[in-house]
Structures are given as C-alpha cells and as structure tokens.
N, C-alpha and C. Protein backbone atom coordinates (compact mmCIF):
# COMPACT_ATOMS: atom_id res chain seq x y z
N MET A 1 0.94 -0.96 -0.23
CA MET A 1 0.01 -0.03 0.15
C MET A 1 0.85 1.17 0.03
N VAL A 2 0.74 2.24 -1.06
CA VAL A 2 1.40 3.35 -0.81
C VAL A 2 0.42 4.66 -0.89
N ILE A 3 0.81 5.47 0.03
CA ILE A 3 -0.07 6.76 0.27
C ILE A 3 0.65 7.98 -0.64
N PHE A 4 -0.17 8.53 -1.19
CA PHE A 4 0.39 9.89 -2.08
C PHE A 4 -0.36 11.11 -1.43
N ASP A 5 0.32 12.16 -1.43
CA ASP A 5 -0.40 13.41 -1.52
C ASP A 5 -0.89 13.84 -2.74
N LEU A 6 -1.89 14.33 -2.93
CA LEU A 6 -2.29 14.78 -4.33
C LEU A 6 -2.87 16.16 -4.07
N ILE A 7 -2.71 16.78 -5.59
CA ILE A 7 -3.28 18.21 -5.45
C ILE A 7 -3.89 18.43 -6.69
N CYS A 8 -5.19 19.35 -6.88
CA CYS A 8 -5.71 19.47 -8.00
C CYS A 8 -5.07 21.07 -8.54
N GLN A 9 -5.62 21.27 -9.62
CA GLN A 9 -5.08 22.64 -10.15
C GLN A 9 -5.39 23.73 -9.46
N ASN A 10 -6.66 23.56 -8.56
CA ASN A 10 -7.21 24.80 -7.75
C ASN A 10 -6.35 24.71 -6.33
N GLY A 11 -5.24 23.74 -6.17
CA GLY A 11 -4.46 23.84 -5.04
C GLY A 11 -5.06 23.11 -3.74
N HIS A 12 -6.20 22.33 -4.04
CA HIS A 12 -6.62 21.61 -2.74
C HIS A 12 -5.77 20.27 -2.59
N ARG A 13 -5.48 20.02 -1.60
CA ARG A 13 -4.61 18.76 -1.21
C ARG A 13 -5.18 17.89 -0.63
N PHE A 14 -5.13 16.69 -0.92
CA PHE A 14 -5.85 15.56 -0.26
C PHE A 14 -4.90 14.41 -0.41
N GLU A 15 -5.10 13.27 0.26
CA GLU A 15 -4.21 12.12 0.00
C GLU A 15 -5.14 11.00 -0.44
N GLY A 16 -4.24 9.76 -1.06
CA GLY A 16 -5.04 8.77 -1.59
C GLY A 16 -4.01 7.38 -1.42
N TRP A 17 -4.67 6.32 -1.23
CA TRP A 17 -4.13 5.06 -0.77
C TRP A 17 -3.93 4.22 -2.15
N PHE A 18 -2.89 3.70 -2.57
CA PHE A 18 -3.07 2.95 -3.96
C PHE A 18 -2.29 1.73 -3.90
N ALA A 19 -2.56 0.64 -4.48
CA ALA A 19 -1.70 -0.75 -4.45
C ALA A 19 -0.36 -0.17 -4.58
N ASP A 20 0.01 0.48 -5.86
CA ASP A 20 1.15 0.93 -6.26
C ASP A 20 1.20 2.12 -7.02
N LEU A 21 2.26 2.41 -7.40
CA LEU A 21 2.35 3.70 -8.35
C LEU A 21 1.61 3.38 -9.67
N ALA A 22 1.66 2.36 -10.29
CA ALA A 22 0.92 1.92 -11.42
C ALA A 22 -0.50 2.16 -11.37
N ASP A 23 -0.98 1.77 -10.26
CA ASP A 23 -2.36 2.10 -9.74
C ASP A 23 -3.01 3.39 -9.87
N LEU A 24 -1.96 4.08 -8.98
CA LEU A 24 -2.47 5.82 -8.92
C LEU A 24 -2.06 6.15 -10.49
N ASP A 25 -1.09 6.00 -11.23
CA ASP A 25 -0.90 6.39 -12.58
C ASP A 25 -2.08 6.10 -13.38
N GLY A 26 -2.57 4.84 -13.56
CA GLY A 26 -3.73 4.53 -14.16
C GLY A 26 -4.96 5.17 -13.77
N GLN A 27 -5.01 5.43 -12.46
CA GLN A 27 -6.45 6.19 -12.32
C GLN A 27 -6.20 7.56 -12.74
N ILE A 28 -4.97 8.23 -12.41
CA ILE A 28 -5.02 9.66 -12.82
C ILE A 28 -5.18 9.70 -14.40
N SER A 29 -4.31 8.85 -15.21
CA SER A 29 -4.58 9.03 -16.68
C SER A 29 -5.95 8.66 -17.17
N GLY A 30 -6.65 7.74 -16.51
CA GLY A 30 -7.99 7.34 -16.77
C GLY A 30 -9.00 8.21 -16.40
N GLY A 31 -8.59 9.37 -15.70
CA GLY A 31 -9.60 10.29 -15.36
C GLY A 31 -10.62 9.93 -14.11
N LEU A 32 -10.21 8.75 -13.30
CA LEU A 32 -11.07 8.40 -12.32
C LEU A 32 -10.70 8.97 -11.11
N LEU A 33 -9.68 10.05 -10.85
CA LEU A 33 -9.43 10.72 -9.54
C LEU A 33 -10.02 12.08 -9.72
N ASN A 34 -10.87 12.40 -8.70
CA ASN A 34 -11.17 14.00 -8.69
C ASN A 34 -11.07 14.53 -7.37
N CYS A 35 -10.85 15.73 -7.20
CA CYS A 35 -10.74 16.53 -6.03
C CYS A 35 -11.93 16.34 -5.00
N PRO A 36 -12.06 15.87 -3.88
CA PRO A 36 -13.14 16.00 -3.14
C PRO A 36 -13.70 17.07 -2.86
N VAL A 37 -12.88 18.29 -2.98
CA VAL A 37 -13.35 19.41 -2.69
C VAL A 37 -14.26 20.10 -3.77
N CYS A 38 -13.57 20.38 -5.21
CA CYS A 38 -14.18 20.88 -6.18
C CYS A 38 -14.55 20.16 -7.31
N GLY A 39 -13.91 18.71 -7.12
CA GLY A 39 -14.53 17.87 -8.26
C GLY A 39 -13.51 17.89 -9.44
N ASP A 40 -12.27 18.84 -9.49
CA ASP A 40 -11.43 18.82 -10.66
C ASP A 40 -10.65 17.64 -10.88
N THR A 41 -10.49 17.08 -12.15
CA THR A 41 -9.97 15.79 -12.40
C THR A 41 -8.61 16.00 -13.01
N HIS A 42 -8.01 17.21 -12.73
CA HIS A 42 -6.53 17.47 -13.28
C HIS A 42 -5.81 17.33 -11.85
N ILE A 43 -5.28 15.92 -11.47
CA ILE A 43 -4.69 15.78 -10.40
C ILE A 43 -3.27 15.49 -10.49
N GLN A 44 -2.35 16.17 -9.80
CA GLN A 44 -1.13 15.60 -9.69
C GLN A 44 -0.68 15.03 -8.48
N ARG A 45 0.41 14.37 -8.75
CA ARG A 45 0.75 13.40 -7.30
C ARG A 45 2.00 14.19 -6.70
N ARG A 46 2.09 14.11 -5.20
CA ARG A 46 3.23 14.42 -4.56
C ARG A 46 3.49 13.32 -3.65
N PRO A 47 4.81 12.84 -3.42
CA PRO A 47 5.00 11.75 -2.48
C PRO A 47 4.52 12.03 -1.09
N SER A 48 4.04 11.16 -0.58
CA SER A 48 3.71 11.41 0.84
C SER A 48 4.80 11.18 1.83
N THR A 49 4.61 11.43 3.13
CA THR A 49 5.73 11.21 3.99
C THR A 49 5.47 9.82 4.81
N PHE A 50 4.30 9.39 4.28
CA PHE A 50 3.85 8.08 5.25
C PHE A 50 3.34 7.04 4.21
N GLY A 51 3.96 5.74 4.27
CA GLY A 51 3.63 4.74 3.34
C GLY A 51 3.98 3.33 3.81
N LEU A 52 3.17 2.50 3.50
CA LEU A 52 3.36 0.96 3.89
C LEU A 52 3.54 0.25 2.51
N VAL A 53 4.29 -0.81 2.79
CA VAL A 53 4.37 -1.59 1.58
C VAL A 53 4.24 -3.20 2.31
N LYS A 54 3.54 -3.97 2.16
CA LYS A 54 3.19 -5.09 2.59
C LYS A 54 3.23 -6.30 1.69
N SER A 55 4.28 -7.21 1.79
CA SER A 55 4.50 -8.47 0.92
C SER A 55 4.24 -9.62 1.88
N ARG A 56 3.13 -10.46 1.61
CA ARG A 56 2.80 -11.49 2.29
C ARG A 56 3.88 -12.52 2.31
N HIS A 57 4.49 -12.68 1.26
CA HIS A 57 5.29 -13.89 1.27
C HIS A 57 6.65 -13.51 2.17
N SER A 58 7.08 -12.32 1.89
CA SER A 58 8.40 -11.82 2.80
C SER A 58 8.18 -11.73 4.02
N GLU A 59 6.93 -11.40 4.40
CA GLU A 59 6.37 -11.29 5.96
C GLU A 59 6.40 -12.56 6.46
N ALA A 60 5.89 -13.46 5.65
CA ALA A 60 5.78 -14.85 6.29
C ALA A 60 7.07 -15.64 6.41
N ALA A 61 8.17 -15.31 5.50
CA ALA A 61 9.34 -16.01 5.75
C ALA A 61 10.22 -15.32 6.77
N SER A 62 9.89 -14.01 6.98
CA SER A 62 10.71 -13.29 8.14
C SER A 62 10.07 -13.78 9.51
N ARG A 63 8.87 -14.10 9.31
CA ARG A 63 8.29 -14.45 10.59
C ARG A 63 8.85 -15.75 11.09
N GLU A 64 8.67 -16.75 9.98
CA GLU A 64 9.31 -18.02 10.11
C GLU A 64 10.73 -18.01 10.79
N ALA A 65 11.65 -17.27 10.03
CA ALA A 65 12.96 -17.10 10.67
C ALA A 65 12.93 -16.46 11.91
N GLY A 66 12.08 -15.77 12.54
CA GLY A 66 12.21 -15.46 13.97
C GLY A 66 12.91 -13.98 13.76
N ASP A 67 12.76 -13.08 12.63
CA ASP A 67 13.25 -11.86 12.79
C ASP A 67 12.37 -10.91 13.28
N PRO A 68 12.92 -10.24 14.79
CA PRO A 68 12.04 -9.33 15.58
C PRO A 68 11.51 -8.09 14.89
N LEU A 69 12.40 -7.59 14.10
CA LEU A 69 11.91 -6.25 13.22
C LEU A 69 10.72 -6.62 12.39
N GLU A 70 10.83 -8.00 11.79
CA GLU A 70 9.90 -8.16 10.83
C GLU A 70 8.38 -8.47 11.71
N GLN A 71 8.79 -9.26 12.66
CA GLN A 71 7.65 -9.66 13.47
C GLN A 71 6.85 -8.29 14.14
N LYS A 72 7.61 -7.29 14.45
CA LYS A 72 6.97 -5.97 14.88
C LYS A 72 6.33 -5.42 13.61
N LYS A 73 6.79 -5.20 12.44
CA LYS A 73 6.29 -4.66 11.35
C LYS A 73 4.96 -5.47 10.90
N ALA A 74 4.90 -6.76 11.13
CA ALA A 74 3.89 -7.59 11.17
C ALA A 74 2.69 -7.14 12.06
N GLU A 75 3.15 -7.10 13.05
CA GLU A 75 2.00 -6.72 14.10
C GLU A 75 1.45 -5.32 13.98
N LEU A 76 2.17 -4.19 13.56
CA LEU A 76 1.93 -3.21 13.35
C LEU A 76 0.91 -3.09 12.16
N MET A 77 1.24 -3.74 10.97
CA MET A 77 0.21 -3.90 9.80
C MET A 77 -1.09 -4.62 10.32
N ARG A 78 -1.04 -5.56 11.29
CA ARG A 78 -2.25 -6.18 11.66
C ARG A 78 -3.08 -5.17 12.54
N GLN A 79 -2.57 -4.29 13.34
CA GLN A 79 -3.21 -3.33 13.99
C GLN A 79 -3.56 -2.21 13.09
N LEU A 80 -3.07 -2.05 11.98
CA LEU A 80 -3.56 -0.87 11.09
C LEU A 80 -4.77 -1.43 10.39
N GLU A 81 -4.86 -2.85 10.07
CA GLU A 81 -5.91 -3.46 9.40
C GLU A 81 -6.98 -3.46 10.25
N GLN A 82 -6.88 -3.62 11.49
CA GLN A 82 -7.94 -3.82 12.50
C GLN A 82 -8.52 -2.25 12.87
N LEU A 83 -7.55 -1.17 12.84
CA LEU A 83 -8.23 0.12 12.72
C LEU A 83 -8.71 0.46 11.51
N SER A 84 -8.31 0.11 10.40
CA SER A 84 -9.20 0.51 9.16
C SER A 84 -10.50 -0.26 9.08
N ASP A 85 -10.54 -1.44 9.68
CA ASP A 85 -11.85 -2.31 9.54
C ASP A 85 -12.78 -1.61 10.67
N ARG A 86 -12.42 -1.25 11.68
CA ARG A 86 -13.29 -0.54 12.71
C ARG A 86 -13.60 0.66 12.24
N LEU A 87 -12.88 1.52 11.69
CA LEU A 87 -13.20 2.72 10.96
C LEU A 87 -14.35 2.69 9.85
N GLN A 88 -14.16 1.64 9.12
CA GLN A 88 -15.25 1.40 7.98
C GLN A 88 -16.60 0.74 8.53
N GLU A 89 -16.39 0.21 9.72
CA GLU A 89 -17.78 -0.57 10.22
C GLU A 89 -18.37 0.41 11.17
N ASP A 90 -17.49 1.18 12.04
CA ASP A 90 -18.20 2.13 12.99
C ASP A 90 -18.48 3.59 12.67
N PHE A 91 -17.78 4.18 11.53
CA PHE A 91 -17.88 5.46 11.55
C PHE A 91 -18.65 5.79 9.94
N ALA A 92 -19.65 6.63 9.94
CA ALA A 92 -20.24 6.81 8.76
C ALA A 92 -19.44 7.78 7.81
N ASP A 93 -19.36 7.42 6.63
CA ASP A 93 -18.61 8.09 5.42
C ASP A 93 -19.39 9.27 4.97
N VAL A 94 -18.86 10.49 5.39
CA VAL A 94 -19.31 11.61 4.73
C VAL A 94 -18.74 12.31 3.76
N GLY A 95 -17.68 11.66 3.18
CA GLY A 95 -16.81 11.91 2.19
C GLY A 95 -16.34 13.46 2.28
N ALA A 96 -16.42 14.35 1.32
CA ALA A 96 -15.75 15.71 1.32
C ALA A 96 -16.59 16.48 2.10
N GLY A 97 -17.66 16.29 2.74
CA GLY A 97 -18.54 17.16 3.56
C GLY A 97 -18.11 16.88 5.27
N PHE A 98 -16.93 16.10 5.42
CA PHE A 98 -16.39 16.01 6.79
C PHE A 98 -16.73 17.34 7.47
N SER A 99 -15.99 18.28 7.27
CA SER A 99 -15.89 19.56 7.98
C SER A 99 -17.15 19.91 8.20
N ASP A 100 -17.76 20.30 7.31
CA ASP A 100 -19.39 20.76 7.51
C ASP A 100 -20.10 20.09 8.52
N GLU A 101 -20.11 18.52 8.11
CA GLU A 101 -20.84 17.89 9.17
C GLU A 101 -20.29 17.99 10.53
N ALA A 102 -19.05 17.84 10.84
CA ALA A 102 -18.26 18.09 12.02
C ALA A 102 -18.70 19.31 12.80
N LEU A 103 -18.83 20.35 12.11
CA LEU A 103 -19.28 21.69 12.55
C LEU A 103 -20.93 21.81 12.95
N LYS A 104 -21.64 20.92 12.25
CA LYS A 104 -23.07 20.83 12.49
C LYS A 104 -23.12 20.09 13.69
N MET A 105 -22.45 19.08 13.85
CA MET A 105 -22.57 18.37 15.18
C MET A 105 -22.14 18.99 16.32
N HIS A 106 -20.98 19.83 16.20
CA HIS A 106 -20.38 20.75 16.96
C HIS A 106 -21.28 21.62 17.55
N TYR A 107 -22.10 22.25 16.76
CA TYR A 107 -23.07 23.31 17.38
C TYR A 107 -24.46 22.88 17.36
N GLY A 108 -24.69 21.56 17.39
CA GLY A 108 -26.00 20.95 17.69
C GLY A 108 -26.95 20.90 16.58
N ALA A 109 -26.61 21.17 15.45
CA ALA A 109 -27.29 21.41 14.32
C ALA A 109 -27.72 19.84 13.66
N ALA A 110 -26.95 19.03 13.99
CA ALA A 110 -26.91 17.71 13.66
C ALA A 110 -26.63 16.52 14.90
N PRO A 111 -27.36 15.70 14.76
CA PRO A 111 -27.05 14.59 16.10
C PRO A 111 -25.58 14.06 16.11
N ARG A 112 -25.03 14.03 17.14
CA ARG A 112 -23.57 13.45 17.14
C ARG A 112 -23.52 12.06 16.86
N ARG A 113 -22.55 11.73 15.96
CA ARG A 113 -22.33 10.50 15.62
C ARG A 113 -21.00 10.22 15.24
N ASN A 114 -20.34 9.22 15.09
CA ASN A 114 -19.13 8.87 14.63
C ASN A 114 -19.06 8.86 12.98
N ILE A 115 -18.27 9.97 12.54
CA ILE A 115 -18.01 9.98 11.12
C ILE A 115 -16.66 9.94 10.81
N ARG A 116 -16.51 9.73 9.53
CA ARG A 116 -15.03 9.92 8.80
C ARG A 116 -15.36 10.50 7.43
N GLY A 117 -14.11 10.98 6.93
CA GLY A 117 -14.26 11.63 5.67
C GLY A 117 -13.02 12.39 5.14
N LEU A 118 -13.11 12.97 4.28
CA LEU A 118 -12.04 13.88 3.61
C LEU A 118 -12.11 15.40 4.01
N SER A 119 -10.94 16.09 4.41
CA SER A 119 -10.83 17.53 4.56
C SER A 119 -9.52 18.10 4.19
N THR A 120 -9.65 19.40 3.88
CA THR A 120 -8.51 20.02 3.36
C THR A 120 -7.63 20.67 4.61
N SER A 121 -6.41 21.07 4.27
CA SER A 121 -5.81 21.75 5.57
C SER A 121 -6.37 22.77 6.02
N ASP A 122 -6.96 23.90 5.09
CA ASP A 122 -7.80 25.05 5.43
C ASP A 122 -9.01 24.58 6.41
N GLU A 123 -9.71 23.47 5.90
CA GLU A 123 -10.77 23.11 6.60
C GLU A 123 -10.52 22.57 8.09
N GLU A 124 -9.35 21.72 8.17
CA GLU A 124 -8.98 21.26 9.48
C GLU A 124 -8.47 22.39 10.14
N GLU A 125 -7.86 23.53 9.66
CA GLU A 125 -7.62 24.65 10.65
C GLU A 125 -8.75 25.28 10.92
N ARG A 126 -9.87 25.43 10.15
CA ARG A 126 -11.18 25.95 10.80
C ARG A 126 -11.63 25.36 11.88
N LEU A 127 -11.70 23.86 11.67
CA LEU A 127 -12.23 23.08 12.86
C LEU A 127 -11.39 23.42 14.21
N ARG A 128 -10.17 23.40 13.95
CA ARG A 128 -9.44 23.73 15.32
C ARG A 128 -9.74 25.01 15.95
N LYS A 129 -9.98 25.82 15.18
CA LYS A 129 -10.23 27.31 15.57
C LYS A 129 -11.59 27.22 16.27
N GLU A 130 -12.56 26.55 15.70
CA GLU A 130 -14.03 26.39 16.29
C GLU A 130 -14.01 25.64 17.56
N GLY A 131 -12.93 24.86 17.72
CA GLY A 131 -12.89 24.04 18.76
C GLY A 131 -13.44 22.55 18.71
N VAL A 132 -13.38 22.14 17.22
CA VAL A 132 -13.96 20.90 17.01
C VAL A 132 -12.77 19.89 17.17
N GLU A 133 -12.97 18.63 17.95
CA GLU A 133 -11.89 17.71 18.22
C GLU A 133 -12.06 16.77 16.96
N PHE A 134 -10.74 16.23 16.52
CA PHE A 134 -10.90 15.28 15.35
C PHE A 134 -9.48 14.83 15.27
N PHE A 135 -9.40 13.73 14.60
CA PHE A 135 -7.91 13.05 14.61
C PHE A 135 -7.90 12.46 12.81
N LYS A 136 -6.74 12.57 12.42
CA LYS A 136 -6.37 12.07 11.18
C LYS A 136 -5.85 10.72 11.33
N ALA A 137 -6.50 9.66 10.86
CA ALA A 137 -5.84 8.19 10.88
C ALA A 137 -5.95 7.71 9.51
N PRO A 138 -4.65 6.84 9.13
CA PRO A 138 -4.67 6.06 7.84
C PRO A 138 -5.75 5.04 8.01
N MET A 139 -6.01 5.01 6.52
CA MET A 139 -7.32 3.87 6.40
C MET A 139 -6.72 2.99 5.05
N LEU A 140 -6.70 1.69 5.24
CA LEU A 140 -6.34 0.82 4.17
C LEU A 140 -7.55 0.72 3.31
N VAL A 141 -7.07 0.75 1.99
CA VAL A 141 -7.99 0.50 0.99
C VAL A 141 -7.87 -0.81 0.47
N ARG A 142 -8.85 -1.70 0.57
CA ARG A 142 -8.66 -3.09 -0.01
C ARG A 142 -8.70 -3.04 -1.49
N LYS A 143 -7.89 -3.83 -2.01
CA LYS A 143 -8.05 -4.19 -3.45
C LYS A 143 -9.33 -4.98 -3.93
N ARG A 144 -9.95 -4.52 -4.80
CA ARG A 144 -11.02 -5.17 -5.48
C ARG A 144 -10.67 -6.36 -6.24
N PRO A 145 -11.46 -7.40 -6.22
CA PRO A 145 -11.07 -8.77 -7.01
C PRO A 145 -11.29 -8.12 -8.55
N SER A 146 -10.21 -8.39 -9.38
CA SER A 146 -10.47 -8.10 -11.06
C SER A 146 -11.37 -9.05 -11.49
N PRO A 147 -12.34 -8.37 -12.53
CA PRO A 147 -13.44 -9.15 -13.11
C PRO A 147 -12.68 -10.33 -14.14
N ASN A 148 -13.13 -11.37 -14.08
CA ASN A 148 -12.51 -12.32 -15.10
C ASN A 148 -13.39 -12.49 -16.35
C-alpha cells in the first residue's frame, strides 16, 4: 500500500491510498480521480511522508525465520488493518462534507455520531479554531477482485 499526497489545479490537497504507483498513474490517466473539494480531475501526485508496503510472502518468511523487526512490522500492519476495519464499520463516511458535518454536530445542528471523511488543510484549521476535536488516521483501501 502506498500513500500519495495529491493536489488539484485549484490547489486543494488531499491524500489517496493505492496498491502501487501503477495503480495511481492508471487512475490519474483514466480520469478516475477527482478532487473531493471541487471535483477537478486534473490531479497531480506528490510523494507522501507516510507509506506502507506489505508483502505476504516476505512477511511470512521473516516470521518463520524469527526476525524481531519483521515480527514487529507484521504486528503493526495487523493493528492498522484492525483500525481500518473498525473505522469502516463504526464510522459513517461523509466524504468531502466532513468539516461541514463536524461543525453541524459541534453546534448541535445535527445529531452527534461517529463520522469519517476527507478534509483540506484549510478546513482542518477552521475546525481547530472552532474547537472541534478530530484526528486523522490512515485507512487501508482493500483491492477489489479483478473481473474475469
């Protein structure tokens, strides 16, 4: 799994998780990616400061060999998978409307509930200034089985 920081022509920054660079490039060239803020499909990538690569074969071989570092990596990946599953199951996906929905809940205009979604740096700063508590967490995107 690779995380890329992305930016549209209008300067909106967001991140995406992809199987690999080819997956990202294919989605960009196919016009499948769009900005969650303005819908722009002219997306450029910027390497992210956070990324994970998981190889089941090398992970299993390292565990069998008893490499403590590889065992720790495997445990961290398992925990990230559990976190992602929990976020997907227990938090409503509000997409690009995250900051608006969080503000509505903060001021009592919408019922409080667990939500997840996308936000820009500017929206996050606004939420902080308004006193809205939130946190950013990585979420794994599962590969869809390819149609045969």
